[in-house]
C-alpha atoms as a PDB file:
ATOM      1  CA  GLY A   1      -5.580 -18.710   5.888  1.00  0.00           C
ATOM      2  CA  ILE A   2      -3.469 -15.613   6.446  1.00  0.00           C
ATOM      3  CA  PHE A   3      -6.597 -13.649   7.404  1.00  0.00           C
ATOM      4  CA  GLY A   4      -7.518 -16.299   9.998  1.00  0.00           C
ATOM      5  CA  ILE A   5      -4.043 -16.240  11.474  1.00  0.00           C
ATOM      6  CA  MET A   6      -4.051 -12.468  11.727  1.00  0.00           C
ATOM      7  CA  LYS A   7      -7.593 -12.142  13.040  1.00  0.00           C
ATOM      8  CA  PHE A   8      -7.785 -14.971  15.540  1.00  0.00           C
ATOM      9  CA  THR A   9      -4.269 -14.893  17.006  1.00  0.00           C
ATOM     10  CA  GLY A  10      -4.336 -11.240  18.018  1.00  0.00           C
ATOM     11  CA  LEU A  11      -1.781 -10.311  15.362  1.00  0.00           C
ATOM     12  CA  VAL A  12      -4.171  -7.630  14.027  1.00  0.00           C
ATOM     13  CA  ASP A  13      -4.178  -5.834  17.375  1.00  0.00           C
ATOM     14  CA  THR A  14      -0.398  -6.142  17.675  1.00  0.00           C
ATOM     15  CA  ILE A  15       0.206  -4.689  14.219  1.00  0.00           C
ATOM     16  CA  ALA A  16      -2.339  -1.897  14.772  1.00  0.00           C
ATOM     17  CA  ALA A  17      -0.652  -0.963  18.070  1.00  0.00           C
ATOM     18  CA  TRP A  18       2.733  -1.057  16.359  1.00  0.00           C
ATOM     19  CA  VAL A  19       1.564   1.263  13.553  1.00  0.00           C
ATOM     20  CA  ILE A  20      -0.061   3.635  16.055  1.00  0.00           C
ATOM     21  CA  SER A  21       3.140   3.728  18.126  1.00  0.00           C
ATOM     22  CA  PHE A  22       5.113   5.588  15.456  1.00  0.00           C
ATOM     23  CA  SER A  23       2.337   7.298  13.474  1.00  0.00           C
ATOM     24  CA  THR A  24       0.579  10.589  13.869  1.00  0.00           C
ATOM     25  CA  THR A  25      -2.581  11.829  12.215  1.00  0.00           C
ATOM     26  CA  THR A  26      -0.377  13.563   9.649  1.00  0.00           C
ATOM     27  CA  THR A  27       2.034  10.700   8.912  1.00  0.00           C
ATOM     28  CA  PHE A  28      -0.388   7.773   9.088  1.00  0.00           C
ATOM     29  CA  PRO A  29      -1.615   7.920   5.454  1.00  0.00           C
ATOM     30  CA  ALA A  30       1.953   7.810   4.104  1.00  0.00           C
ATOM     31  CA  ILE A  31       2.911   5.029   6.513  1.00  0.00           C
ATOM     32  CA  ALA A  32      -0.207   3.063   5.560  1.00  0.00           C
ATOM     33  CA  ALA A  33       0.670   3.438   1.871  1.00  0.00           C
ATOM     34  CA  ILE A  34       4.238   2.258   2.474  1.00  0.00           C
ATOM     35  CA  LEU A  35       3.022  -0.760   4.470  1.00  0.00           C
ATOM     36  CA  SER A  36       0.472  -1.535   1.776  1.00  0.00           C
ATOM     37  CA  SER A  37       3.174  -1.309  -0.861  1.00  0.00           C
ATOM     38  CA  ILE A  38       5.418  -3.734   1.019  1.00  0.00           C
ATOM     39  CA  ILE A  39       2.593  -6.213   1.623  1.00  0.00           C
ATOM     40  CA  SER A  40       1.460  -5.857  -1.994  1.00  0.00           C
ATOM     41  CA  TYR A  41       4.863  -7.074  -3.129  1.00  0.00           C
ATOM     42  CA  PHE A  42       4.168 -10.433  -1.453  1.00  0.00           C
ATOM     43  CA  ILE A  43       0.360 -10.566  -1.857  1.00  0.00           C
ATOM     44  CA  PRO A  44      -0.391  -8.921  -5.215  1.00  0.00           C
ATOM     45  CA  SER A  45      -4.152  -9.531  -5.142  1.00  0.00           C
ATOM     46  CA  GLY A  46      -6.040  -6.376  -4.157  1.00  0.00           C
ATOM     47  CA  GLY A  47      -9.036  -8.144  -2.614  1.00  0.00           C
ATOM     48  CA  SER A  48      -7.009 -10.667  -0.659  1.00  0.00           C
ATOM     49  CA  LYS A  49      -4.640  -7.974   0.506  1.00  0.00           C
ATOM     50  CA  TRP A  50      -7.493  -5.775   1.725  1.00  0.00           C
ATOM     51  CA  VAL A  51      -8.907  -8.633   3.802  1.00  0.00           C
ATOM     52  CA  ILE A  52      -5.514  -8.940   5.478  1.00  0.00           C
ATOM     53  CA  GLU A  53      -4.773  -5.220   5.885  1.00  0.00           C
ATOM     54  CA  ALA A  54      -8.166  -3.706   6.686  1.00  0.00           C
ATOM     55  CA  PRO A  55      -8.388  -5.285  10.160  1.00  0.00           C
ATOM     56  CA  PHE A  56      -5.337  -3.358  11.323  1.00  0.00           C
ATOM     57  CA  LEU A  57      -5.326  -0.286   9.048  1.00  0.00           C
ATOM     58  CA  ILE A  58      -8.893   0.861   9.749  1.00  0.00           C
ATOM     59  CA  PRO A  59      -8.640   0.599  13.583  1.00  0.00           C
ATOM     60  CA  ALA A  60      -5.205   2.248  13.557  1.00  0.00           C
ATOM     61  CA  GLY A  61      -6.534   5.085  11.419  1.00  0.00           C
ATOM     62  CA  LYS A  62      -9.583   5.524  13.639  1.00  0.00           C
ATOM     63  CA  ALA A  63      -7.395   5.585  16.755  1.00  0.00           C
ATOM     64  CA  LEU A  64      -5.358   8.384  15.183  1.00  0.00           C
ATOM     65  CA  GLY A  65      -8.424  10.291  13.966  1.00  0.00           C
ATOM     66  CA  VAL A  66      -7.819   9.616  10.268  1.00  0.00           C
ATOM     67  CA  PRO A  67     -11.011   9.290   8.180  1.00  0.00           C
ATOM     68  CA  ASP A  68     -11.661   5.812   6.756  1.00  0.00           C
ATOM     69  CA  ALA A  69     -11.743   7.240   3.227  1.00  0.00           C
ATOM     70  CA  GLN A  70      -8.236   8.638   3.640  1.00  0.00           C
ATOM     71  CA  THR A  71      -7.000   5.287   4.962  1.00  0.00           C
ATOM     72  CA  VAL A  72      -8.515   3.454   1.976  1.00  0.00           C
ATOM     73  CA  ILE A  73      -6.976   5.948  -0.461  1.00  0.00           C
ATOM     74  CA  ALA A  74      -3.559   5.484   1.144  1.00  0.00           C
ATOM     75  CA  TYR A  75      -3.991   1.698   0.934  1.00  0.00           C
ATOM     76  CA  MET A  76      -4.852   1.942  -2.759  1.00  0.00           C
ATOM     77  CA  PHE A  77      -1.929   4.248  -3.555  1.00  0.00           C
ATOM     78  CA  GLY A  78       0.486   1.859  -1.857  1.00  0.00           C
ATOM     79  CA  GLY A  79      -0.870  -1.157  -3.695  1.00  0.00           C
ATOM     80  CA  ASP A  80      -0.782   0.613  -7.039  1.00  0.00           C
ATOM     81  CA  LEU A  81       2.768   1.783  -6.472  1.00  0.00           C
ATOM     82  CA  THR A  82       4.009  -1.794  -6.260  1.00  0.00           C
ATOM     83  CA  ALA A  83       2.748  -2.410  -9.793  1.00  0.00           C
ATOM     84  CA  LEU A  84       5.721  -0.365 -10.981  1.00  0.00           C
ATOM     85  CA  VAL A  85       8.173  -2.752  -9.307  1.00  0.00           C
ATOM     86  CA  GLN A  86       6.313  -5.845 -10.555  1.00  0.00           C
ATOM     87  CA  PRO A  87       4.883  -4.575 -13.856  1.00  0.00           C
ATOM     88  CA  PHE A  88       2.478  -7.440 -14.527  1.00  0.00           C
ATOM     89  CA  PHE A  89       0.200  -4.940 -16.274  1.00  0.00           C
ATOM     90  CA  ALA A  90       2.738  -5.003 -19.113  1.00  0.00           C
ATOM     91  CA  VAL A  91       2.465  -8.728 -19.860  1.00  0.00           C
ATOM     92  CA  PRO A  92       0.150  -8.145 -22.870  1.00  0.00           C
ATOM     93  CA  PHE A  93       2.574  -5.566 -24.287  1.00  0.00           C
ATOM     94  CA  MET A  94       5.411  -8.023 -23.868  1.00  0.00           C
ATOM     95  CA  ALA A  95       3.559 -10.606 -25.907  1.00  0.00           C
ATOM     96  CA  VAL A  96       2.623  -8.184 -28.679  1.00  0.00           C
ATOM     97  CA  CYS A  97       5.980  -6.387 -28.907  1.00  0.00           C
ATOM     98  CA  GLY A  98       8.275  -9.303 -28.128  1.00  0.00           C
ATOM     99  CA  LEU A  99       9.701  -7.583 -25.050  1.00  0.00           C
ATOM    100  CA  GLU A 100      11.023  -9.067 -21.821  1.00  0.00           C
ATOM    101  CA  PHE A 101      10.806  -7.586 -18.330  1.00  0.00           C
ATOM    102  CA  LYS A 102      14.464  -6.567 -18.478  1.00  0.00           C
ATOM    103  CA  ASP A 103      13.648  -4.306 -21.447  1.00  0.00           C
ATOM    104  CA  PHE A 104      11.485  -1.906 -19.408  1.00  0.00           C
ATOM    105  CA  VAL A 105      11.663  -2.744 -15.714  1.00  0.00           C
ATOM    106  CA  GLY A 106      14.471  -0.203 -15.230  1.00  0.00           C
ATOM    107  CA  TYR A 107      12.209   2.547 -16.511  1.00  0.00           C
ATOM    108  CA  SER A 108       9.305   1.464 -14.349  1.00  0.00           C
ATOM    109  CA  PHE A 109      11.598   1.305 -11.299  1.00  0.00           C
ATOM    110  CA  VAL A 110      12.655   4.924 -11.856  1.00  0.00           C
ATOM    111  CA  ALA A 111       8.968   5.841 -12.118  1.00  0.00           C
ATOM    112  CA  PHE A 112       8.400   3.886  -8.876  1.00  0.00           C
ATOM    113  CA  ILE A 113      10.988   5.979  -7.002  1.00  0.00           C
ATOM    114  CA  VAL A 114       9.715   9.315  -8.352  1.00  0.00           C
ATOM    115  CA  LEU A 115       6.048   8.482  -7.786  1.00  0.00           C
ATOM    116  CA  ALA A 116       6.768   7.077  -4.308  1.00  0.00           C
ATOM    117  CA  LEU A 117       8.270  10.408  -3.288  1.00  0.00           C
ATOM    118  CA  ILE A 118       5.340  12.333  -4.770  1.00  0.00           C
ATOM    119  CA  MET A 119       2.851   9.963  -3.080  1.00  0.00           C
ATOM    120  CA  ILE A 120       4.506  10.230   0.333  1.00  0.00           C
ATOM    121  CA  PHE A 121       4.671  14.020   0.058  1.00  0.00           C
ATOM    122  CA  GLY A 122       1.054  14.247  -1.096  1.00  0.00           C
ATOM    123  CA  LEU A 123      -0.330  11.900   1.554  1.00  0.00           C
ATOM    124  CA  THR A 124       1.576  13.767   4.260  1.00  0.00           C
ATOM    125  CA  PHE A 125       1.188  17.417   3.304  1.00  0.00           C
ATOM    126  CA  VAL A 126      -1.806  17.813   0.980  1.00  0.00           C
ATOM    127  CA  PRO A 127      -4.942  18.439   3.072  1.00  0.00           C
ATOM    128  CA  PHE A 128      -7.663  15.804   2.884  1.00  0.00           C
ATOM    129  CA  ALA A 129     -11.184  17.172   2.573  1.00  0.00           C
ATOM    130  CA  VAL A 130     -13.871  14.925   4.026  1.00  0.00           C
END
């Protein structure tokens, strides 16, 4: 449903133009990762999220001269980063160890902040070899 709304109402083109308006070839991967991270918070499914994001991320990246592979990597980094804010990967550990989210979410949030800074720096300043 969300894909249909985005694709057939012109929202994809609007979002792509918006992203292009404040991105450069250098900053686009970090911006794409941040957008992916925000969207991943609300739509945690990787496949569903890609169907929603690809229609505006790929054209925006192409318009800025960013290789598709670099755009996909930025998308994946952003989606993975959100897993530290919503640590659903830890549900099995919680069951085995008798833990609750409050027992470790503070630690994963600190890791989220540190890794977000490293990710943004890396996506912006580390050269991408095609």
